[in-house]
Amino acid sequence: MDKQGQEMFLNFILHRVQEGKEDEAKEILTENFRKQAEGTFSQEDIQEFIPKMISLLKPDKLEEVQAVVKQFSGDFGNK
């Protein structure tokens, strides 16, 4: 995912997290983006990312975000 894609993904997620959880979500995403840039981002990272993000999301946004993350992780698996 390029920088523009990362920024779009970050903004998408941040608009769907619970009030007061934005900084935590941003930190998790920024760490994942750093690992992607280094080439160390793994399927294990995706598996850790999902439950962390679920706990931060607004319950009514969970399904929408899961669909996007599934698409993102599917793209990751094809590289």
PDB file of N, CA and C in Angstrom:
ATOM      1  N   MET A   1       0.855  -1.173   0.000  1.00  0.00           N
ATOM      2  CA  MET A   1       0.000   0.000   0.000  1.00  0.00           C
ATOM      3  C   MET A   1       0.900   1.235   0.000  1.00  0.00           C
ATOM      4  N   ASP A   2       0.644   2.131  -0.923  1.00  0.00           N
ATOM      5  CA  ASP A   2       1.452   3.343  -0.998  1.00  0.00           C
ATOM      6  C   ASP A   2       1.025   4.340   0.082  1.00  0.00           C
ATOM      7  N   LYS A   3       1.787   5.422   0.200  1.00  0.00           N
ATOM      8  CA  LYS A   3       1.529   6.429   1.248  1.00  0.00           C
ATOM      9  C   LYS A   3       0.116   6.997   1.153  1.00  0.00           C
ATOM     10  N   GLN A   4      -0.342   7.269  -0.047  1.00  0.00           N
ATOM     11  CA  GLN A   4      -1.687   7.813  -0.221  1.00  0.00           C
ATOM     12  C   GLN A   4      -2.736   6.800   0.239  1.00  0.00           C
ATOM     13  N   GLY A   5      -2.545   5.540  -0.112  1.00  0.00           N
ATOM     14  CA  GLY A   5      -3.456   4.486   0.319  1.00  0.00           C
ATOM     15  C   GLY A   5      -3.452   4.332   1.831  1.00  0.00           C
ATOM     16  N   GLN A   6      -2.266   4.419   2.427  1.00  0.00           N
ATOM     17  CA  GLN A   6      -2.162   4.335   3.880  1.00  0.00           C
ATOM     18  C   GLN A   6      -2.920   5.478   4.548  1.00  0.00           C
ATOM     19  N   GLU A   7      -2.765   6.668   4.015  1.00  0.00           N
ATOM     20  CA  GLU A   7      -3.449   7.838   4.579  1.00  0.00           C
ATOM     21  C   GLU A   7      -4.967   7.678   4.473  1.00  0.00           C
ATOM     22  N   MET A   8      -5.433   7.180   3.344  1.00  0.00           N
ATOM     23  CA  MET A   8      -6.870   6.964   3.163  1.00  0.00           C
ATOM     24  C   MET A   8      -7.383   5.901   4.140  1.00  0.00           C
ATOM     25  N   PHE A   9      -6.625   4.820   4.295  1.00  0.00           N
ATOM     26  CA  PHE A   9      -7.000   3.745   5.211  1.00  0.00           C
ATOM     27  C   PHE A   9      -7.013   4.266   6.651  1.00  0.00           C
ATOM     28  N   LEU A  10      -5.988   5.026   7.013  1.00  0.00           N
ATOM     29  CA  LEU A  10      -5.902   5.613   8.349  1.00  0.00           C
ATOM     30  C   LEU A  10      -7.117   6.494   8.633  1.00  0.00           C
ATOM     31  N   ASN A  11      -7.438   7.375   7.711  1.00  0.00           N
ATOM     32  CA  ASN A  11      -8.589   8.269   7.895  1.00  0.00           C
ATOM     33  C   ASN A  11      -9.897   7.488   7.958  1.00  0.00           C
ATOM     34  N   PHE A  12     -10.017   6.468   7.138  1.00  0.00           N
ATOM     35  CA  PHE A  12     -11.212   5.619   7.144  1.00  0.00           C
ATOM     36  C   PHE A  12     -11.411   5.019   8.534  1.00  0.00           C
ATOM     37  N   ILE A  13     -10.348   4.432   9.078  1.00  0.00           N
ATOM     38  CA  ILE A  13     -10.431   3.791  10.394  1.00  0.00           C
ATOM     39  C   ILE A  13     -10.683   4.826  11.483  1.00  0.00           C
ATOM     40  N   LEU A  14      -9.942   5.923  11.469  1.00  0.00           N
ATOM     41  CA  LEU A  14     -10.065   6.914  12.543  1.00  0.00           C
ATOM     42  C   LEU A  14     -11.465   7.505  12.634  1.00  0.00           C
ATOM     43  N   HIS A  15     -12.179   7.569  11.529  1.00  0.00           N
ATOM     44  CA  HIS A  15     -13.551   8.077  11.550  1.00  0.00           C
ATOM     45  C   HIS A  15     -14.542   7.046  12.100  1.00  0.00           C
ATOM     46  N   ARG A  16     -14.057   5.845  12.377  1.00  0.00           N
ATOM     47  CA  ARG A  16     -14.950   4.770  12.820  1.00  0.00           C
ATOM     48  C   ARG A  16     -14.588   4.208  14.192  1.00  0.00           C
ATOM     49  N   VAL A  17     -13.586   4.782  14.829  1.00  0.00           N
ATOM     50  CA  VAL A  17     -13.232   4.320  16.176  1.00  0.00           C
ATOM     51  C   VAL A  17     -14.033   5.081  17.226  1.00  0.00           C
ATOM     52  N   GLN A  18     -14.088   4.501  18.410  1.00  0.00           N
ATOM     53  CA  GLN A  18     -14.812   5.110  19.520  1.00  0.00           C
ATOM     54  C   GLN A  18     -14.146   6.430  19.925  1.00  0.00           C
ATOM     55  N   GLU A  19     -14.965   7.315  20.482  1.00  0.00           N
ATOM     56  CA  GLU A  19     -14.447   8.594  20.981  1.00  0.00           C
ATOM     57  C   GLU A  19     -13.309   8.331  21.958  1.00  0.00           C
ATOM     58  N   GLY A  20     -12.219   9.054  21.804  1.00  0.00           N
ATOM     59  CA  GLY A  20     -11.090   8.927  22.712  1.00  0.00           C
ATOM     60  C   GLY A  20     -10.125   7.802  22.383  1.00  0.00           C
ATOM     61  N   LYS A  21     -10.425   7.010  21.377  1.00  0.00           N
ATOM     62  CA  LYS A  21      -9.568   5.871  21.010  1.00  0.00           C
ATOM     63  C   LYS A  21      -8.752   6.156  19.747  1.00  0.00           C
ATOM     64  N   GLU A  22      -8.879   7.367  19.226  1.00  0.00           N
ATOM     65  CA  GLU A  22      -8.223   7.701  17.959  1.00  0.00           C
ATOM     66  C   GLU A  22      -6.698   7.577  18.030  1.00  0.00           C
ATOM     67  N   ASP A  23      -6.093   8.059  19.115  1.00  0.00           N
ATOM     68  CA  ASP A  23      -4.634   8.004  19.220  1.00  0.00           C
ATOM     69  C   ASP A  23      -4.128   6.568  19.254  1.00  0.00           C
ATOM     70  N   GLU A  24      -4.821   5.713  19.988  1.00  0.00           N
ATOM     71  CA  GLU A  24      -4.425   4.301  20.063  1.00  0.00           C
ATOM     72  C   GLU A  24      -4.536   3.634  18.695  1.00  0.00           C
ATOM     73  N   ALA A  25      -5.630   3.908  17.995  1.00  0.00           N
ATOM     74  CA  ALA A  25      -5.815   3.338  16.658  1.00  0.00           C
ATOM     75  C   ALA A  25      -4.740   3.844  15.703  1.00  0.00           C
ATOM     76  N   LYS A  26      -4.441   5.126  15.765  1.00  0.00           N
ATOM     77  CA  LYS A  26      -3.422   5.697  14.890  1.00  0.00           C
ATOM     78  C   LYS A  26      -2.054   5.072  15.154  1.00  0.00           C
ATOM     79  N   GLU A  27      -1.747   4.831  16.419  1.00  0.00           N
ATOM     80  CA  GLU A  27      -0.472   4.211  16.781  1.00  0.00           C
ATOM     81  C   GLU A  27      -0.362   2.797  16.200  1.00  0.00           C
ATOM     82  N   ILE A  28      -1.432   2.023  16.325  1.00  0.00           N
ATOM     83  CA  ILE A  28      -1.439   0.653  15.788  1.00  0.00           C
ATOM     84  C   ILE A  28      -1.249   0.678  14.274  1.00  0.00           C
ATOM     85  N   LEU A  29      -1.988   1.543  13.602  1.00  0.00           N
ATOM     86  CA  LEU A  29      -1.893   1.625  12.142  1.00  0.00           C
ATOM     87  C   LEU A  29      -0.520   2.111  11.696  1.00  0.00           C
ATOM     88  N   THR A  30       0.009   3.103  12.373  1.00  0.00           N
ATOM     89  CA  THR A  30       1.322   3.638  12.010  1.00  0.00           C
ATOM     90  C   THR A  30       2.400   2.566  12.140  1.00  0.00           C
ATOM     91  N   GLU A  31       2.306   1.759  13.188  1.00  0.00           N
ATOM     92  CA  GLU A  31       3.261   0.654  13.373  1.00  0.00           C
ATOM     93  C   GLU A  31       3.148  -0.355  12.233  1.00  0.00           C
ATOM     94  N   ASN A  32       1.928  -0.689  11.850  1.00  0.00           N
ATOM     95  CA  ASN A  32       1.743  -1.620  10.736  1.00  0.00           C
ATOM     96  C   ASN A  32       2.286  -1.045   9.434  1.00  0.00           C
ATOM     97  N   PHE A  33       2.061   0.236   9.189  1.00  0.00           N
ATOM     98  CA  PHE A  33       2.580   0.875   7.981  1.00  0.00           C
ATOM     99  C   PHE A  33       4.110   0.855   7.975  1.00  0.00           C
ATOM    100  N   ARG A  34       4.716   1.081   9.152  1.00  0.00           N
ATOM    101  CA  ARG A  34       6.178   1.056   9.253  1.00  0.00           C
ATOM    102  C   ARG A  34       6.691  -0.335   8.887  1.00  0.00           C
ATOM    103  N   LYS A  35       6.046  -1.373   9.408  1.00  0.00           N
ATOM    104  CA  LYS A  35       6.454  -2.745   9.097  1.00  0.00           C
ATOM    105  C   LYS A  35       6.289  -3.034   7.605  1.00  0.00           C
ATOM    106  N   GLN A  36       5.233  -2.515   7.005  1.00  0.00           N
ATOM    107  CA  GLN A  36       5.051  -2.700   5.555  1.00  0.00           C
ATOM    108  C   GLN A  36       6.208  -2.084   4.796  1.00  0.00           C
ATOM    109  N   ALA A  37       6.583  -0.868   5.176  1.00  0.00           N
ATOM    110  CA  ALA A  37       7.668  -0.160   4.493  1.00  0.00           C
ATOM    111  C   ALA A  37       8.991  -0.905   4.634  1.00  0.00           C
ATOM    112  N   GLU A  38       9.184  -1.542   5.785  1.00  0.00           N
ATOM    113  CA  GLU A  38      10.418  -2.303   6.031  1.00  0.00           C
ATOM    114  C   GLU A  38      10.391  -3.689   5.401  1.00  0.00           C
ATOM    115  N   GLY A  39       9.201  -4.123   4.987  1.00  0.00           N
ATOM    116  CA  GLY A  39       9.065  -5.455   4.430  1.00  0.00           C
ATOM    117  C   GLY A  39       8.948  -6.539   5.493  1.00  0.00           C
ATOM    118  N   THR A  40       8.612  -6.153   6.723  1.00  0.00           N
ATOM    119  CA  THR A  40       8.511  -7.129   7.816  1.00  0.00           C
ATOM    120  C   THR A  40       7.068  -7.389   8.233  1.00  0.00           C
ATOM    121  N   PHE A  41       6.108  -6.813   7.535  1.00  0.00           N
ATOM    122  CA  PHE A  41       4.685  -6.990   7.865  1.00  0.00           C
ATOM    123  C   PHE A  41       4.269  -8.398   7.462  1.00  0.00           C
ATOM    124  N   SER A  42       3.660  -9.125   8.402  1.00  0.00           N
ATOM    125  CA  SER A  42       3.359 -10.536   8.165  1.00  0.00           C
ATOM    126  C   SER A  42       1.882 -10.851   8.380  1.00  0.00           C
ATOM    127  N   GLN A  43       1.517 -12.059   8.023  1.00  0.00           N
ATOM    128  CA  GLN A  43       0.155 -12.540   8.272  1.00  0.00           C
ATOM    129  C   GLN A  43      -0.129 -12.520   9.771  1.00  0.00           C
ATOM    130  N   GLU A  44       0.871 -12.797  10.577  1.00  0.00           N
ATOM    131  CA  GLU A  44       0.729 -12.746  12.040  1.00  0.00           C
ATOM    132  C   GLU A  44       0.367 -11.333  12.493  1.00  0.00           C
ATOM    133  N   ASP A  45       0.981 -10.330  11.881  1.00  0.00           N
ATOM    134  CA  ASP A  45       0.651  -8.937  12.211  1.00  0.00           C
ATOM    135  C   ASP A  45      -0.815  -8.650  11.907  1.00  0.00           C
ATOM    136  N   ILE A  46      -1.305  -9.171  10.806  1.00  0.00           N
ATOM    137  CA  ILE A  46      -2.714  -8.983  10.451  1.00  0.00           C
ATOM    138  C   ILE A  46      -3.604  -9.629  11.506  1.00  0.00           C
ATOM    139  N   GLN A  47      -3.226 -10.832  11.938  1.00  0.00           N
ATOM    140  CA  GLN A  47      -4.018 -11.548  12.941  1.00  0.00           C
ATOM    141  C   GLN A  47      -4.038 -10.810  14.278  1.00  0.00           C
ATOM    142  N   GLU A  48      -2.969 -10.113  14.615  1.00  0.00           N
ATOM    143  CA  GLU A  48      -2.924  -9.316  15.845  1.00  0.00           C
ATOM    144  C   GLU A  48      -3.690  -8.006  15.674  1.00  0.00           C
ATOM    145  N   PHE A  49      -3.616  -7.442  14.489  1.00  0.00           N
ATOM    146  CA  PHE A  49      -4.256  -6.157  14.198  1.00  0.00           C
ATOM    147  C   PHE A  49      -5.773  -6.229  14.347  1.00  0.00           C
ATOM    148  N   ILE A  50      -6.374  -7.279  13.839  1.00  0.00           N
ATOM    149  CA  ILE A  50      -7.837  -7.370  13.778  1.00  0.00           C
ATOM    150  C   ILE A  50      -8.482  -7.284  15.164  1.00  0.00           C
ATOM    151  N   PRO A  51      -8.094  -8.122  16.142  1.00  0.00           N
ATOM    152  CA  PRO A  51      -8.766  -7.996  17.446  1.00  0.00           C
ATOM    153  C   PRO A  51      -8.507  -6.659  18.146  1.00  0.00           C
ATOM    154  N   LYS A  52      -7.308  -6.119  17.964  1.00  0.00           N
ATOM    155  CA  LYS A  52      -7.021  -4.808  18.565  1.00  0.00           C
ATOM    156  C   LYS A  52      -7.953  -3.748  18.003  1.00  0.00           C
ATOM    157  N   MET A  53      -8.088  -3.735  16.686  1.00  0.00           N
ATOM    158  CA  MET A  53      -8.924  -2.712  16.060  1.00  0.00           C
ATOM    159  C   MET A  53     -10.403  -2.923  16.394  1.00  0.00           C
ATOM    160  N   ILE A  54     -10.847  -4.173  16.463  1.00  0.00           N
ATOM    161  CA  ILE A  54     -12.242  -4.445  16.809  1.00  0.00           C
ATOM    162  C   ILE A  54     -12.584  -3.826  18.162  1.00  0.00           C
ATOM    163  N   SER A  55     -11.661  -3.914  19.100  1.00  0.00           N
ATOM    164  CA  SER A  55     -11.918  -3.382  20.437  1.00  0.00           C
ATOM    165  C   SER A  55     -12.002  -1.854  20.457  1.00  0.00           C
ATOM    166  N   LEU A  56     -11.468  -1.205  19.428  1.00  0.00           N
ATOM    167  CA  LEU A  56     -11.458   0.259  19.368  1.00  0.00           C
ATOM    168  C   LEU A  56     -12.601   0.842  18.537  1.00  0.00           C
ATOM    169  N   LEU A  57     -13.205   0.012  17.718  1.00  0.00           N
ATOM    170  CA  LEU A  57     -14.215   0.499  16.777  1.00  0.00           C
ATOM    171  C   LEU A  57     -15.566   0.744  17.433  1.00  0.00           C
ATOM    172  N   LYS A  58     -16.308   1.653  16.822  1.00  0.00           N
ATOM    173  CA  LYS A  58     -17.709   1.832  17.201  1.00  0.00           C
ATOM    174  C   LYS A  58     -18.443   0.555  16.785  1.00  0.00           C
ATOM    175  N   PRO A  59     -19.267  -0.004  17.654  1.00  0.00           N
ATOM    176  CA  PRO A  59     -19.940  -1.271  17.317  1.00  0.00           C
ATOM    177  C   PRO A  59     -20.720  -1.226  15.999  1.00  0.00           C
ATOM    178  N   ASP A  60     -21.329  -0.098  15.689  1.00  0.00           N
ATOM    179  CA  ASP A  60     -22.117  -0.014  14.454  1.00  0.00           C
ATOM    180  C   ASP A  60     -21.261   0.104  13.196  1.00  0.00           C
ATOM    181  N   LYS A  61     -19.948   0.234  13.350  1.00  0.00           N
ATOM    182  CA  LYS A  61     -19.038   0.348  12.192  1.00  0.00           C
ATOM    183  C   LYS A  61     -18.224  -0.924  11.976  1.00  0.00           C
ATOM    184  N   LEU A  62     -18.393  -1.883  12.863  1.00  0.00           N
ATOM    185  CA  LEU A  62     -17.565  -3.083  12.833  1.00  0.00           C
ATOM    186  C   LEU A  62     -17.652  -3.836  11.508  1.00  0.00           C
ATOM    187  N   GLU A  63     -18.851  -4.087  11.036  1.00  0.00           N
ATOM    188  CA  GLU A  63     -19.022  -4.861   9.803  1.00  0.00           C
ATOM    189  C   GLU A  63     -18.374  -4.160   8.607  1.00  0.00           C
ATOM    190  N   GLU A  64     -18.576  -2.862   8.523  1.00  0.00           N
ATOM    191  CA  GLU A  64     -18.001  -2.079   7.423  1.00  0.00           C
ATOM    192  C   GLU A  64     -16.468  -2.166   7.438  1.00  0.00           C
ATOM    193  N   VAL A  65     -15.877  -2.002   8.606  1.00  0.00           N
ATOM    194  CA  VAL A  65     -14.416  -2.030   8.719  1.00  0.00           C
ATOM    195  C   VAL A  65     -13.880  -3.438   8.449  1.00  0.00           C
ATOM    196  N   GLN A  66     -14.566  -4.454   8.949  1.00  0.00           N
ATOM    197  CA  GLN A  66     -14.112  -5.828   8.709  1.00  0.00           C
ATOM    198  C   GLN A  66     -14.048  -6.122   7.214  1.00  0.00           C
ATOM    199  N   ALA A  67     -14.996  -5.647   6.456  1.00  0.00           N
ATOM    200  CA  ALA A  67     -14.998  -5.877   5.011  1.00  0.00           C
ATOM    201  C   ALA A  67     -13.778  -5.235   4.351  1.00  0.00           C
ATOM    202  N   VAL A  68     -13.444  -4.029   4.763  1.00  0.00           N
ATOM    203  CA  VAL A  68     -12.297  -3.325   4.189  1.00  0.00           C
ATOM    204  C   VAL A  68     -10.992  -4.002   4.603  1.00  0.00           C
ATOM    205  N   VAL A  69     -10.896  -4.396   5.872  1.00  0.00           N
ATOM    206  CA  VAL A  69      -9.680  -5.060   6.344  1.00  0.00           C
ATOM    207  C   VAL A  69      -9.495  -6.399   5.648  1.00  0.00           C
ATOM    208  N   LYS A  70     -10.572  -7.113   5.434  1.00  0.00           N
ATOM    209  CA  LYS A  70     -10.488  -8.405   4.740  1.00  0.00           C
ATOM    210  C   LYS A  70      -9.966  -8.198   3.321  1.00  0.00           C
ATOM    211  N   GLN A  71     -10.442  -7.161   2.661  1.00  0.00           N
ATOM    212  CA  GLN A  71      -9.977  -6.850   1.305  1.00  0.00           C
ATOM    213  C   GLN A  71      -8.494  -6.491   1.339  1.00  0.00           C
ATOM    214  N   PHE A  72      -8.107  -5.673   2.313  1.00  0.00           N
ATOM    215  CA  PHE A  72      -6.713  -5.259   2.473  1.00  0.00           C
ATOM    216  C   PHE A  72      -5.822  -6.471   2.735  1.00  0.00           C
ATOM    217  N   SER A  73      -6.221  -7.333   3.653  1.00  0.00           N
ATOM    218  CA  SER A  73      -5.394  -8.490   3.976  1.00  0.00           C
ATOM    219  C   SER A  73      -5.353  -9.467   2.810  1.00  0.00           C
ATOM    220  N   GLY A  74      -6.420  -9.542   2.038  1.00  0.00           N
ATOM    221  CA  GLY A  74      -6.410 -10.376   0.838  1.00  0.00           C
ATOM    222  C   GLY A  74      -5.402  -9.852  -0.177  1.00  0.00           C
ATOM    223  N   ASP A  75      -5.354  -8.546  -0.334  1.00  0.00           N
ATOM    224  CA  ASP A  75      -4.366  -7.945  -1.238  1.00  0.00           C
ATOM    225  C   ASP A  75      -2.956  -8.238  -0.747  1.00  0.00           C
ATOM    226  N   PHE A  76      -2.772  -8.179   0.575  1.00  0.00           N
ATOM    227  CA  PHE A  76      -1.456  -8.469   1.154  1.00  0.00           C
ATOM    228  C   PHE A  76      -1.018  -9.895   0.818  1.00  0.00           C
ATOM    229  N   GLY A  77      -1.958 -10.832   0.919  1.00  0.00           N
ATOM    230  CA  GLY A  77      -1.643 -12.229   0.657  1.00  0.00           C
ATOM    231  C   GLY A  77      -1.285 -12.521  -0.774  1.00  0.00           C
ATOM    232  N   ASN A  78      -1.666 -11.636  -1.693  1.00  0.00           N
ATOM    233  CA  ASN A  78      -1.380 -11.838  -3.113  1.00  0.00           C
ATOM    234  C   ASN A  78      -0.037 -11.262  -3.550  1.00  0.00           C
ATOM    235  N   LYS A  79       0.672 -10.658  -2.638  1.00  0.00           N
ATOM    236  CA  LYS A  79       1.947 -10.034  -3.021  1.00  0.00           C
ATOM    237  C   LYS A  79       3.111 -10.954  -2.780  1.00  0.00           C
TER     238      LYS A  79
END
